[in-house]
């Protein structure tokens, strides 16, 4: 067993362990950190497959942007962890059953007959001047040009929809224009009421004397 195989098994074990922690930990911050570890180990596996561009993109985009956003949202929401811990043991048998079914399905599909070394042999190493970025760009803009453009259009529509949802006017929203605030007068907002003063202690003493 060479060094590359040992590195592959180490990264695979870390990836599986971090994925289990993502769905088993009760603290959402720890779950997000475990997902960051899973992303890093996935990037390491992609580097072993000579997909350096995808590995760096995974680290920069998901770890550097998406996961930071997840952590920010989780911390800003101030989630009550006691509520999350209540139903964990109650649904644990059902979750284990679903996990066993999924593992069995994956074992039937991703087996040595379909994904073994005989069916899918190890690819030959590329030359020193091979550019992974250039190859991905060539495939995207030739073979998968229309799906790539369709995905871009869907993302643009999603961005426009998100912006329009945040900018829509609410009926019950109370607003004040700056012109009304500048032209306001004290007599329009403040009303002075004159009332006769009363001494409670004196009135109570007079009641007792009576």
Protein backbone atom coordinates (compact mmCIF):
# COMPACT_ATOMS: atom_id res chain seq x y z
CA UNK A 1 0.00 0.00 0.00
CA UNK A 2 1.52 3.27 -1.13
CA UNK A 3 1.47 6.69 0.45
CA UNK A 4 -1.37 7.84 -1.81
CA UNK A 5 -3.61 4.97 -0.69
CA UNK A 6 -2.85 5.61 2.97
CA UNK A 7 -3.66 9.32 2.52
CA UNK A 8 -6.90 8.40 0.77
CA UNK A 9 -8.07 6.14 3.59
CA UNK A 10 -7.13 8.71 6.25
CA UNK A 11 -9.02 11.49 4.50
CA UNK A 12 -11.98 9.18 3.86
CA UNK A 13 -12.19 8.20 7.53
CA UNK A 14 -12.06 11.86 8.61
CA UNK A 15 -14.72 12.73 6.03
CA UNK A 16 -17.10 10.00 7.19
CA UNK A 17 -16.52 10.88 10.86
CA UNK A 18 -17.13 14.60 10.30
CA UNK A 19 -20.28 13.82 8.27
CA UNK A 20 -21.61 11.73 11.17
CA UNK A 21 -20.86 14.59 13.57
CA UNK A 22 -22.80 17.02 11.37
CA UNK A 23 -26.03 15.06 11.83
CA UNK A 24 -25.43 13.83 15.39
CA UNK A 25 -24.19 16.88 17.30
CA UNK A 26 -26.84 18.94 19.05
CA UNK A 27 -25.04 22.27 18.99
CA UNK A 28 -25.59 23.93 15.58
CA UNK A 29 -22.26 25.77 15.81
CA UNK A 30 -20.38 22.50 16.30
CA UNK A 31 -22.35 20.97 13.41
CA UNK A 32 -21.26 23.83 11.14
CA UNK A 33 -17.63 23.41 12.21
CA UNK A 34 -17.83 19.68 11.52
CA UNK A 35 -19.20 20.50 8.07
CA UNK A 36 -16.19 22.76 7.50
CA UNK A 37 -13.92 19.82 8.33
CA UNK A 38 -15.88 17.65 5.88
CA UNK A 39 -15.36 20.26 3.15
CA UNK A 40 -11.62 20.37 3.81
CA UNK A 41 -11.25 16.61 3.65
CA UNK A 42 -13.35 16.48 0.47
CA UNK A 43 -11.01 19.05 -1.05
CA UNK A 44 -8.07 16.85 -0.07
CA UNK A 45 -9.65 13.87 -1.85
CA UNK A 46 -10.19 15.99 -4.96
CA UNK A 47 -6.54 16.99 -4.93
CA UNK A 48 -5.62 13.31 -4.90
CA UNK A 49 -7.79 12.94 -8.02
CA UNK A 50 -5.86 15.81 -9.68
CA UNK A 51 -8.89 18.12 -9.52
CA UNK A 52 -7.04 21.04 -7.95
CA UNK A 53 -9.34 23.74 -9.28
CA UNK A 54 -12.46 22.11 -7.82
CA UNK A 55 -10.69 21.57 -4.50
CA UNK A 56 -9.69 25.23 -4.23
CA UNK A 57 -13.15 26.34 -5.32
CA UNK A 58 -14.71 24.16 -2.61
CA UNK A 59 -12.49 25.74 0.05
CA UNK A 60 -12.87 29.33 -1.14
CA UNK A 61 -16.60 29.30 -1.91
CA UNK A 62 -18.10 26.91 0.65
CA UNK A 63 -15.67 27.20 3.55
CA UNK A 64 -14.79 30.84 2.99
CA UNK A 65 -18.24 32.20 2.20
CA UNK A 66 -21.14 29.80 2.68
CA UNK A 67 -20.09 28.36 6.02
CA UNK A 68 -19.20 31.78 7.40
CA UNK A 69 -22.71 32.87 6.45
CA UNK A 70 -24.17 29.76 8.13
CA UNK A 71 -22.25 30.45 11.35
CA UNK A 72 -23.31 34.09 11.30
CA UNK A 73 -26.98 33.17 10.86
CA UNK A 74 -26.84 30.48 13.56
CA UNK A 75 -25.25 32.85 16.05
CA UNK A 76 -27.66 35.67 15.21
CA UNK A 77 -30.74 33.44 15.57
CA UNK A 78 -29.80 32.52 19.16
CA UNK A 79 -31.33 29.06 18.89
CA UNK A 80 -32.57 27.48 22.11
CA UNK A 81 -30.43 24.36 22.45
CA UNK A 82 -32.62 22.87 25.18
CA UNK A 83 -35.48 22.50 22.71
CA UNK A 84 -33.20 20.75 20.21
CA UNK A 85 -32.10 18.20 22.81
CA UNK A 86 -35.63 17.20 23.77
CA UNK A 87 -36.62 15.09 20.75
CA UNK A 88 -33.19 13.70 19.85
CA UNK A 89 -33.44 10.37 21.70
CA UNK A 90 -37.11 9.96 20.77
CA UNK A 91 -36.41 9.97 17.02
CA UNK A 92 -33.08 8.16 17.27
CA UNK A 93 -34.43 4.65 16.39
CA UNK A 94 -36.22 6.01 13.33
CA UNK A 95 -33.09 7.88 12.24
CA UNK A 96 -30.94 4.77 12.64
CA UNK A 97 -33.42 2.76 10.57
CA UNK A 98 -33.35 5.31 7.76
CA UNK A 99 -29.55 5.39 7.90
CA UNK A 100 -29.32 1.60 7.65
CA UNK A 101 -31.65 1.59 4.62
CA UNK A 102 -29.58 4.30 2.91
CA UNK A 103 -26.32 2.45 3.57
CA UNK A 104 -27.83 -0.75 2.17
CA UNK A 105 -28.97 1.05 -0.98
CA UNK A 106 -25.57 2.64 -1.45
CA UNK A 107 -23.89 -0.74 -0.96
CA UNK A 108 -26.06 -2.24 -3.68
CA UNK A 109 -25.41 0.61 -6.13
CA UNK A 110 -21.84 1.60 -5.30
CA UNK A 111 -20.36 -1.85 -5.22
CA UNK A 112 -17.28 -3.51 -6.67
CA UNK A 113 -19.30 -4.67 -9.67
CA UNK A 114 -20.08 -1.11 -10.78
CA UNK A 115 -17.31 0.97 -9.26
CA UNK A 116 -14.49 -1.49 -8.72
CA UNK A 117 -11.00 -1.27 -10.19
CA UNK A 118 -12.01 -3.61 -12.98
CA UNK A 119 -15.05 -1.55 -14.02
CA UNK A 120 -13.39 1.82 -13.43
CA UNK A 121 -9.60 1.52 -13.43
CA UNK A 122 -7.42 4.18 -11.93
CA UNK A 123 -6.87 7.01 -14.43
CA UNK A 124 -3.44 7.58 -15.80
CA UNK A 125 -1.54 10.50 -14.26
CA UNK A 126 -1.49 13.63 -16.38
CA UNK A 127 1.55 15.39 -17.71
CA UNK A 128 3.25 18.23 -15.86
CA UNK A 129 1.80 20.88 -18.19
CA UNK A 130 -1.80 19.65 -17.73
CA UNK A 131 -4.19 22.43 -16.68
CA UNK A 132 -7.22 21.32 -14.71
CA UNK A 133 -8.80 24.77 -14.98
CA UNK A 134 -8.43 24.84 -18.75
CA UNK A 135 -9.98 21.39 -19.09
CA UNK A 136 -12.99 22.31 -16.93
CA UNK A 137 -13.52 25.52 -18.91
CA UNK A 138 -13.36 23.65 -22.20
CA UNK A 139 -15.94 21.09 -21.05
CA UNK A 140 -18.27 23.71 -19.58
CA UNK A 141 -18.32 25.94 -22.63
CA UNK A 142 -18.52 23.18 -25.23
CA UNK A 143 -20.22 20.00 -24.01
CA UNK A 144 -22.27 21.47 -21.14
CA UNK A 145 -22.79 24.98 -22.53
CA UNK A 146 -26.60 25.00 -22.45
CA UNK A 147 -26.96 23.42 -18.96
CA UNK A 148 -24.37 25.89 -17.67
CA UNK A 149 -26.25 28.86 -19.12
CA UNK A 150 -29.56 27.48 -17.82
CA UNK A 151 -28.10 27.21 -14.31
CA UNK A 152 -26.86 30.80 -14.58
CA UNK A 153 -30.33 32.03 -15.61
CA UNK A 154 -31.95 30.14 -12.71
CA UNK A 155 -29.51 31.73 -10.25
CA UNK A 156 -30.22 35.21 -11.62
CA UNK A 157 -33.97 34.64 -11.33
CA UNK A 158 -33.51 33.41 -7.74
CA UNK A 159 -31.48 36.53 -6.87
CA UNK A 160 -34.12 38.84 -8.39
CA UNK A 161 -36.90 36.99 -6.56
CA UNK A 162 -35.06 37.26 -3.23
CA UNK A 163 -34.52 41.00 -3.72
CA UNK A 164 -38.15 41.58 -4.73
CA UNK A 165 -39.39 39.70 -1.66
CA UNK A 166 -37.29 41.83 0.66
CA UNK A 167 -38.32 45.12 -0.99
CA UNK A 168 -42.08 44.52 -1.14
CA UNK A 169 -44.26 46.97 0.78
CA UNK A 170 -46.05 45.75 3.84
CA UNK A 171 -49.55 46.96 4.57
CA UNK A 172 -49.12 47.19 8.32
CA UNK A 173 -45.76 48.86 8.14
CA UNK A 174 -45.68 52.32 9.75
CA UNK A 175 -43.37 54.83 8.11
CA UNK A 176 -42.71 58.53 8.51
CA UNK A 177 -41.54 60.85 5.77
CA UNK A 178 -38.74 63.33 6.57
CA UNK A 179 -40.91 66.28 5.39
CA UNK A 180 -43.53 65.54 8.01
CA UNK A 181 -40.89 65.27 10.71
CA UNK A 182 -39.39 68.65 9.79
CA UNK A 183 -42.74 70.47 9.60
CA UNK A 184 -44.11 69.09 12.85
CA UNK A 185 -45.11 71.58 15.60
CA UNK A 186 -45.14 71.10 19.32
CA UNK A 187 -48.81 72.07 19.69
CA UNK A 188 -49.75 69.30 17.25
CA UNK A 189 -47.99 66.64 19.30
CA UNK A 190 -48.13 67.83 22.93
CA UNK A 191 -51.31 68.69 24.83
CA UNK A 192 -51.06 70.26 28.25
CA UNK A 193 -53.81 69.30 30.69
CA UNK A 194 -54.42 71.35 33.86
CA UNK A 195 -55.68 69.38 36.84
CA UNK A 196 -56.35 70.40 40.41
CA UNK A 197 -53.74 69.12 42.81
CA UNK A 198 -54.86 66.76 45.53
CA UNK A 199 -53.13 65.71 48.77
CA UNK A 200 -53.79 62.06 49.39
CA UNK A 201 -52.24 62.02 52.85
CA UNK A 202 -54.38 64.97 53.94
CA UNK A 203 -57.57 63.49 52.55
CA UNK A 204 -56.92 60.16 54.25
CA UNK A 205 -56.23 61.89 57.58
CA UNK A 206 -59.48 63.85 57.32
CA UNK A 207 -61.37 60.64 56.60
CA UNK A 208 -59.97 59.04 59.75
CA UNK A 209 -60.96 62.06 61.89
CA UNK A 210 -64.51 61.82 60.60
